[in-house]
Structure formats: structure tokens, C-alpha cells
Amino acid sequence: MSGGDRRVAMDLAGYERRVRTGRCFICAFVAGEPGYEHVLVYDDGVHVAWLNRYPTLRGYTLVAPRRHVEDVVGGLGPEEYLAMQGVVHLVARAVAEVVRPERTYLLSLGSMQGNAHVHWHVAPLPPGVPYGEQQYRALMAERGILDLAPGEFEALGADIRAALERP
């Protein structure tokens, strides 16, 4: 991907093994379990948002309900779904304010076979990325993930939290 960000290879086989056989990472994160720490950017007691630990784009954020829900259509009633979408929109606007993307991709990914807890991806595409590297290609960890230092994650999270606090 263009843009000058440093990238490193991701252990995709290890990642798949963890998400298919391990604890629900969202439930573990919400419970504060060691090894599941993420940079939290939003928590209203019902929903949480945090920076993706394996970002392919700067500011890539995940949003989920705190309670374990596995079906995006059947697991949320209409009011819950609309409330979740309100949080996704709120977080996406804050991320966009901070990283100034050309486009923000919003999508729910996961599978009953791995990453079953419903969550939305807020993926900000930076300006100038060639068309052939946009859309799903911009999300693919096979192309490497951003090599952000822990301090960079924290600073980015603080900037997004500050944007969320502005009216």
C-alpha cells in the first residue's frame, strides 16, 4: 500500500488459530483480561470502540457491543442495532477528524468459525492510495500491517478520544 507507512508481516496462521480456538477476544478485552489489552477510544457502558491491534490503515478502529452477540441481524433488536450504528457513526466521524481519510469504510466482519462477537470495522482510507490498492485490498493483512510503536497507538487513541469529546 502506498502512503509511506512502515509495514510488517503478520502471522496470519497464528492469528487464525487464536481466533478460531481461543477465547472471544472482545469479551476478554471488555473483562480486562491480561493479553487482551487494546487502546480504548470509546465506552458508553453498552458499546466499546478501540484501535485495531493489527491495523492495515492508520486509525483503523473496531466497534462492538459489550455483551456477546454473534448474529448482526438476529442478535440485535431494531433499537439495539440503530444504537450500535449511532456509535459506529460517532466513532467514524472522530476517526475521520483525526486522520482525514479520502473515504471511510464501515463494515461488519467476522464468522461463527472465528471472531464470532459482532463488531464493526471503521477503516479510514488515506488520500492518494491507488485505486487497485483500495477497498478490500486496503483491509487485507496479507499485505502487511502498520508497524506502529506503542506510543503511536496511544497518541492516536488520545487524539480520537479528544475528537469524541468535542461537540
C-alpha atoms as a PDB file:
ATOM      1  CA  MET A   1       0.000   0.000   0.000  1.00  0.00           C
ATOM      2  CA  SER A   2       1.236   3.462  -0.777  1.00  0.00           C
ATOM      3  CA  GLY A   3       1.494   6.244   1.739  1.00  0.00           C
ATOM      4  CA  GLY A   4       4.914   5.673   3.279  1.00  0.00           C
ATOM      5  CA  ASP A   5       3.723   3.866   6.413  1.00  0.00           C
ATOM      6  CA  ARG A   6       6.077   1.179   7.670  1.00  0.00           C
ATOM      7  CA  ARG A   7       4.607  -2.317   7.355  1.00  0.00           C
ATOM      8  CA  VAL A   8       5.495  -5.637   8.884  1.00  0.00           C
ATOM      9  CA  ALA A   9       4.357  -9.141   8.077  1.00  0.00           C
ATOM     10  CA  MET A  10       1.563 -10.579  10.201  1.00  0.00           C
ATOM     11  CA  ASP A  11       1.493 -14.145  11.478  1.00  0.00           C
ATOM     12  CA  LEU A  12      -1.776 -14.986   9.735  1.00  0.00           C
ATOM     13  CA  ALA A  13      -1.705 -18.688  10.660  1.00  0.00           C
ATOM     14  CA  GLY A  14      -1.176 -17.845  14.341  1.00  0.00           C
ATOM     15  CA  TYR A  15      -3.918 -15.225  14.209  1.00  0.00           C
ATOM     16  CA  GLU A  16      -6.382 -17.654  12.636  1.00  0.00           C
ATOM     17  CA  ARG A  17      -5.531 -20.315  15.219  1.00  0.00           C
ATOM     18  CA  ARG A  18      -6.158 -17.842  18.077  1.00  0.00           C
ATOM     19  CA  VAL A  19      -9.476 -16.531  16.778  1.00  0.00           C
ATOM     20  CA  ARG A  20     -10.789 -19.994  15.916  1.00  0.00           C
ATOM     21  CA  THR A  21      -9.782 -21.805  19.103  1.00  0.00           C
ATOM     22  CA  GLY A  22      -9.190 -19.150  21.739  1.00  0.00           C
ATOM     23  CA  ARG A  23     -11.325 -17.019  23.983  1.00  0.00           C
ATOM     24  CA  CYS A  24     -13.571 -14.368  22.409  1.00  0.00           C
ATOM     25  CA  PHE A  25     -11.096 -11.502  22.202  1.00  0.00           C
ATOM     26  CA  ILE A  26     -13.801  -8.849  22.597  1.00  0.00           C
ATOM     27  CA  CYS A  27     -15.250 -10.419  25.745  1.00  0.00           C
ATOM     28  CA  ALA A  28     -11.723 -10.870  27.129  1.00  0.00           C
ATOM     29  CA  PHE A  29     -10.871  -7.234  26.303  1.00  0.00           C
ATOM     30  CA  VAL A  30     -14.065  -5.943  27.939  1.00  0.00           C
ATOM     31  CA  ALA A  31     -13.337  -8.108  31.007  1.00  0.00           C
ATOM     32  CA  GLY A  32      -9.816  -6.620  31.268  1.00  0.00           C
ATOM     33  CA  GLU A  33      -8.036  -9.963  30.912  1.00  0.00           C
ATOM     34  CA  PRO A  34      -4.235  -9.800  30.557  1.00  0.00           C
ATOM     35  CA  GLY A  35      -3.046 -10.284  26.990  1.00  0.00           C
ATOM     36  CA  TYR A  36      -6.200  -8.761  25.527  1.00  0.00           C
ATOM     37  CA  GLU A  37      -5.371  -5.094  26.071  1.00  0.00           C
ATOM     38  CA  HIS A  38      -6.264  -2.634  23.324  1.00  0.00           C
ATOM     39  CA  VAL A  39      -6.247   1.157  23.072  1.00  0.00           C
ATOM     40  CA  LEU A  40      -9.788   2.083  24.097  1.00  0.00           C
ATOM     41  CA  VAL A  41     -11.271   5.140  22.393  1.00  0.00           C
ATOM     42  CA  TYR A  42     -14.944   4.905  23.437  1.00  0.00           C
ATOM     43  CA  ASP A  43     -17.035   3.213  26.116  1.00  0.00           C
ATOM     44  CA  ASP A  44     -20.616   4.158  26.922  1.00  0.00           C
ATOM     45  CA  GLY A  45     -21.275   1.099  29.090  1.00  0.00           C
ATOM     46  CA  VAL A  46     -23.138  -0.673  26.258  1.00  0.00           C
ATOM     47  CA  HIS A  47     -20.670  -0.318  23.364  1.00  0.00           C
ATOM     48  CA  VAL A  48     -16.897  -0.102  23.132  1.00  0.00           C
ATOM     49  CA  ALA A  49     -14.507   1.079  20.435  1.00  0.00           C
ATOM     50  CA  TRP A  50     -10.774   0.501  20.284  1.00  0.00           C
ATOM     51  CA  LEU A  51      -7.878   0.705  17.877  1.00  0.00           C
ATOM     52  CA  ASN A  52      -7.337  -2.422  15.812  1.00  0.00           C
ATOM     53  CA  ARG A  53      -4.238  -4.214  17.123  1.00  0.00           C
ATOM     54  CA  TYR A  54      -3.430  -5.317  13.556  1.00  0.00           C
ATOM     55  CA  PRO A  55      -4.152  -2.189  11.507  1.00  0.00           C
ATOM     56  CA  THR A  56      -3.730  -2.047   7.777  1.00  0.00           C
ATOM     57  CA  LEU A  57      -4.790   1.621   7.830  1.00  0.00           C
ATOM     58  CA  ARG A  58      -3.899   4.403  10.288  1.00  0.00           C
ATOM     59  CA  GLY A  59      -6.820   4.941  12.651  1.00  0.00           C
ATOM     60  CA  TYR A  60      -8.423   1.550  11.917  1.00  0.00           C
ATOM     61  CA  THR A  61     -10.901   1.144  14.767  1.00  0.00           C
ATOM     62  CA  LEU A  62     -13.318  -1.582  15.863  1.00  0.00           C
ATOM     63  CA  VAL A  63     -16.726  -1.003  17.493  1.00  0.00           C
ATOM     64  CA  ALA A  64     -18.747  -3.682  19.301  1.00  0.00           C
ATOM     65  CA  PRO A  65     -21.485  -4.208  21.833  1.00  0.00           C
ATOM     66  CA  ARG A  66     -20.089  -5.075  25.265  1.00  0.00           C
ATOM     67  CA  ARG A  67     -22.386  -8.083  25.540  1.00  0.00           C
ATOM     68  CA  HIS A  68     -21.532 -11.118  23.461  1.00  0.00           C
ATOM     69  CA  VAL A  69     -23.714 -11.049  20.338  1.00  0.00           C
ATOM     70  CA  GLU A  70     -22.952 -13.359  17.416  1.00  0.00           C
ATOM     71  CA  ASP A  71     -25.617 -12.503  14.845  1.00  0.00           C
ATOM     72  CA  VAL A  72     -25.662  -8.969  13.481  1.00  0.00           C
ATOM     73  CA  VAL A  73     -29.229  -9.370  12.189  1.00  0.00           C
ATOM     74  CA  GLY A  74     -30.885 -11.763  14.656  1.00  0.00           C
ATOM     75  CA  GLY A  75     -28.851 -10.935  17.750  1.00  0.00           C
ATOM     76  CA  LEU A  76     -29.794  -7.266  17.957  1.00  0.00           C
ATOM     77  CA  GLY A  77     -33.287  -5.819  18.089  1.00  0.00           C
ATOM     78  CA  PRO A  78     -34.055  -2.805  15.895  1.00  0.00           C
ATOM     79  CA  GLU A  79     -33.355  -0.289  18.684  1.00  0.00           C
ATOM     80  CA  GLU A  80     -30.086  -2.005  19.650  1.00  0.00           C
ATOM     81  CA  TYR A  81     -28.991  -2.155  16.030  1.00  0.00           C
ATOM     82  CA  LEU A  82     -29.743   1.525  15.453  1.00  0.00           C
ATOM     83  CA  ALA A  83     -27.979   2.479  18.699  1.00  0.00           C
ATOM     84  CA  MET A  84     -24.939   0.473  17.582  1.00  0.00           C
ATOM     85  CA  GLN A  85     -24.965   2.214  14.207  1.00  0.00           C
ATOM     86  CA  GLY A  86     -25.127   5.558  16.011  1.00  0.00           C
ATOM     87  CA  VAL A  87     -21.935   4.649  17.881  1.00  0.00           C
ATOM     88  CA  VAL A  88     -20.268   3.439  14.666  1.00  0.00           C
ATOM     89  CA  HIS A  89     -21.126   6.783  13.033  1.00  0.00           C
ATOM     90  CA  LEU A  90     -19.927   8.782  16.055  1.00  0.00           C
ATOM     91  CA  VAL A  91     -16.619   6.917  16.184  1.00  0.00           C
ATOM     92  CA  ALA A  92     -16.154   7.079  12.404  1.00  0.00           C
ATOM     93  CA  ARG A  93     -16.595  10.868  12.459  1.00  0.00           C
ATOM     94  CA  ALA A  94     -13.978  11.195  15.223  1.00  0.00           C
ATOM     95  CA  VAL A  95     -11.550   8.920  13.368  1.00  0.00           C
ATOM     96  CA  ALA A  96     -12.106  10.947  10.183  1.00  0.00           C
ATOM     97  CA  GLU A  97     -11.458  14.197  12.043  1.00  0.00           C
ATOM     98  CA  VAL A  98      -8.114  12.840  13.230  1.00  0.00           C
ATOM     99  CA  VAL A  99      -6.768  11.000  10.171  1.00  0.00           C
ATOM    100  CA  ARG A 100      -8.578  12.895   7.345  1.00  0.00           C
ATOM    101  CA  PRO A 101      -9.295   9.931   5.045  1.00  0.00           C
ATOM    102  CA  GLU A 102     -10.363  10.031   1.422  1.00  0.00           C
ATOM    103  CA  ARG A 103     -13.092   7.506   2.299  1.00  0.00           C
ATOM    104  CA  THR A 104     -14.122   5.649   5.448  1.00  0.00           C
ATOM    105  CA  TYR A 105     -15.095   2.018   5.065  1.00  0.00           C
ATOM    106  CA  LEU A 106     -17.695   0.727   7.553  1.00  0.00           C
ATOM    107  CA  LEU A 107     -18.352  -2.980   7.617  1.00  0.00           C
ATOM    108  CA  SER A 108     -19.167  -5.851   9.911  1.00  0.00           C
ATOM    109  CA  LEU A 109     -16.844  -8.804   9.519  1.00  0.00           C
ATOM    110  CA  GLY A 110     -16.278 -11.985  11.476  1.00  0.00           C
ATOM    111  CA  SER A 111     -17.580 -15.516  11.290  1.00  0.00           C
ATOM    112  CA  MET A 112     -19.218 -18.093  13.503  1.00  0.00           C
ATOM    113  CA  GLN A 113     -15.954 -20.004  12.962  1.00  0.00           C
ATOM    114  CA  GLY A 114     -13.782 -17.211  14.364  1.00  0.00           C
ATOM    115  CA  ASN A 115     -14.263 -13.676  15.667  1.00  0.00           C
ATOM    116  CA  ALA A 116     -17.922 -14.521  16.272  1.00  0.00           C
ATOM    117  CA  HIS A 117     -18.623 -11.491  18.520  1.00  0.00           C
ATOM    118  CA  VAL A 118     -20.362  -8.899  16.327  1.00  0.00           C
ATOM    119  CA  HIS A 119     -18.148  -5.915  15.600  1.00  0.00           C
ATOM    120  CA  TRP A 120     -17.837  -3.163  13.014  1.00  0.00           C
ATOM    121  CA  HIS A 121     -14.668  -2.082  11.289  1.00  0.00           C
ATOM    122  CA  VAL A 122     -14.088   1.648  10.871  1.00  0.00           C
ATOM    123  CA  ALA A 123     -11.337   1.652   8.259  1.00  0.00           C
ATOM    124  CA  PRO A 124     -10.147   5.097   7.082  1.00  0.00           C
ATOM    125  CA  LEU A 125      -8.574   5.028   3.617  1.00  0.00           C
ATOM    126  CA  PRO A 126      -5.867   7.695   3.335  1.00  0.00           C
ATOM    127  CA  PRO A 127      -5.900  10.079   0.374  1.00  0.00           C
ATOM    128  CA  GLY A 128      -3.813   9.130  -2.637  1.00  0.00           C
ATOM    129  CA  VAL A 129      -3.985   5.343  -2.371  1.00  0.00           C
ATOM    130  CA  PRO A 130      -4.056   3.957  -5.918  1.00  0.00           C
ATOM    131  CA  TYR A 131      -7.429   2.502  -6.862  1.00  0.00           C
ATOM    132  CA  GLY A 132      -6.000  -1.022  -7.201  1.00  0.00           C
ATOM    133  CA  GLU A 133      -4.979  -0.892  -3.531  1.00  0.00           C
ATOM    134  CA  GLN A 134      -8.323   0.392  -2.203  1.00  0.00           C
ATOM    135  CA  GLN A 135     -11.474  -1.307  -0.923  1.00  0.00           C
ATOM    136  CA  TYR A 136     -10.936  -4.877   0.324  1.00  0.00           C
ATOM    137  CA  ARG A 137      -7.271  -4.814  -0.668  1.00  0.00           C
ATOM    138  CA  ALA A 138      -6.701  -1.957   1.786  1.00  0.00           C
ATOM    139  CA  LEU A 139      -8.022  -4.182   4.590  1.00  0.00           C
ATOM    140  CA  MET A 140      -6.011  -7.300   3.777  1.00  0.00           C
ATOM    141  CA  ALA A 141      -3.407  -8.167   6.403  1.00  0.00           C
ATOM    142  CA  GLU A 142      -1.705 -10.387   3.827  1.00  0.00           C
ATOM    143  CA  ARG A 143      -0.187  -7.162   2.524  1.00  0.00           C
ATOM    144  CA  GLY A 144       1.284  -6.441   5.957  1.00  0.00           C
ATOM    145  CA  ILE A 145       0.111  -4.410   8.922  1.00  0.00           C
ATOM    146  CA  LEU A 146       1.255  -0.987  10.034  1.00  0.00           C
ATOM    147  CA  ASP A 147       4.324  -1.034  12.234  1.00  0.00           C
ATOM    148  CA  LEU A 148       3.165   1.415  14.905  1.00  0.00           C
ATOM    149  CA  ALA A 149       5.103   1.800  18.125  1.00  0.00           C
ATOM    150  CA  PRO A 150       3.080   1.546  21.363  1.00  0.00           C
ATOM    151  CA  GLY A 151       3.454   5.307  21.826  1.00  0.00           C
ATOM    152  CA  GLU A 152       1.991   5.903  18.370  1.00  0.00           C
ATOM    153  CA  PHE A 153      -1.042   3.763  19.230  1.00  0.00           C
ATOM    154  CA  GLU A 154      -1.573   5.661  22.484  1.00  0.00           C
ATOM    155  CA  ALA A 155      -1.194   9.078  20.831  1.00  0.00           C
ATOM    156  CA  LEU A 156      -3.611   8.156  18.055  1.00  0.00           C
ATOM    157  CA  GLY A 157      -6.089   6.824  20.619  1.00  0.00           C
ATOM    158  CA  ALA A 158      -5.798  10.028  22.657  1.00  0.00           C
ATOM    159  CA  ASP A 159      -6.453  12.122  19.539  1.00  0.00           C
ATOM    160  CA  ILE A 160      -9.569  10.090  18.693  1.00  0.00           C
ATOM    161  CA  ARG A 161     -10.826  10.278  22.299  1.00  0.00           C
ATOM    162  CA  ALA A 162     -10.323  14.068  22.217  1.00  0.00           C
ATOM    163  CA  ALA A 163     -12.275  14.286  18.938  1.00  0.00           C
ATOM    164  CA  LEU A 164     -15.095  12.261  20.528  1.00  0.00           C
ATOM    165  CA  GLU A 165     -15.259  14.710  23.434  1.00  0.00           C
ATOM    166  CA  ARG A 166     -15.758  17.731  21.150  1.00  0.00           C
ATOM    167  CA  PRO A 167     -19.358  18.723  20.399  1.00  0.00           C
END
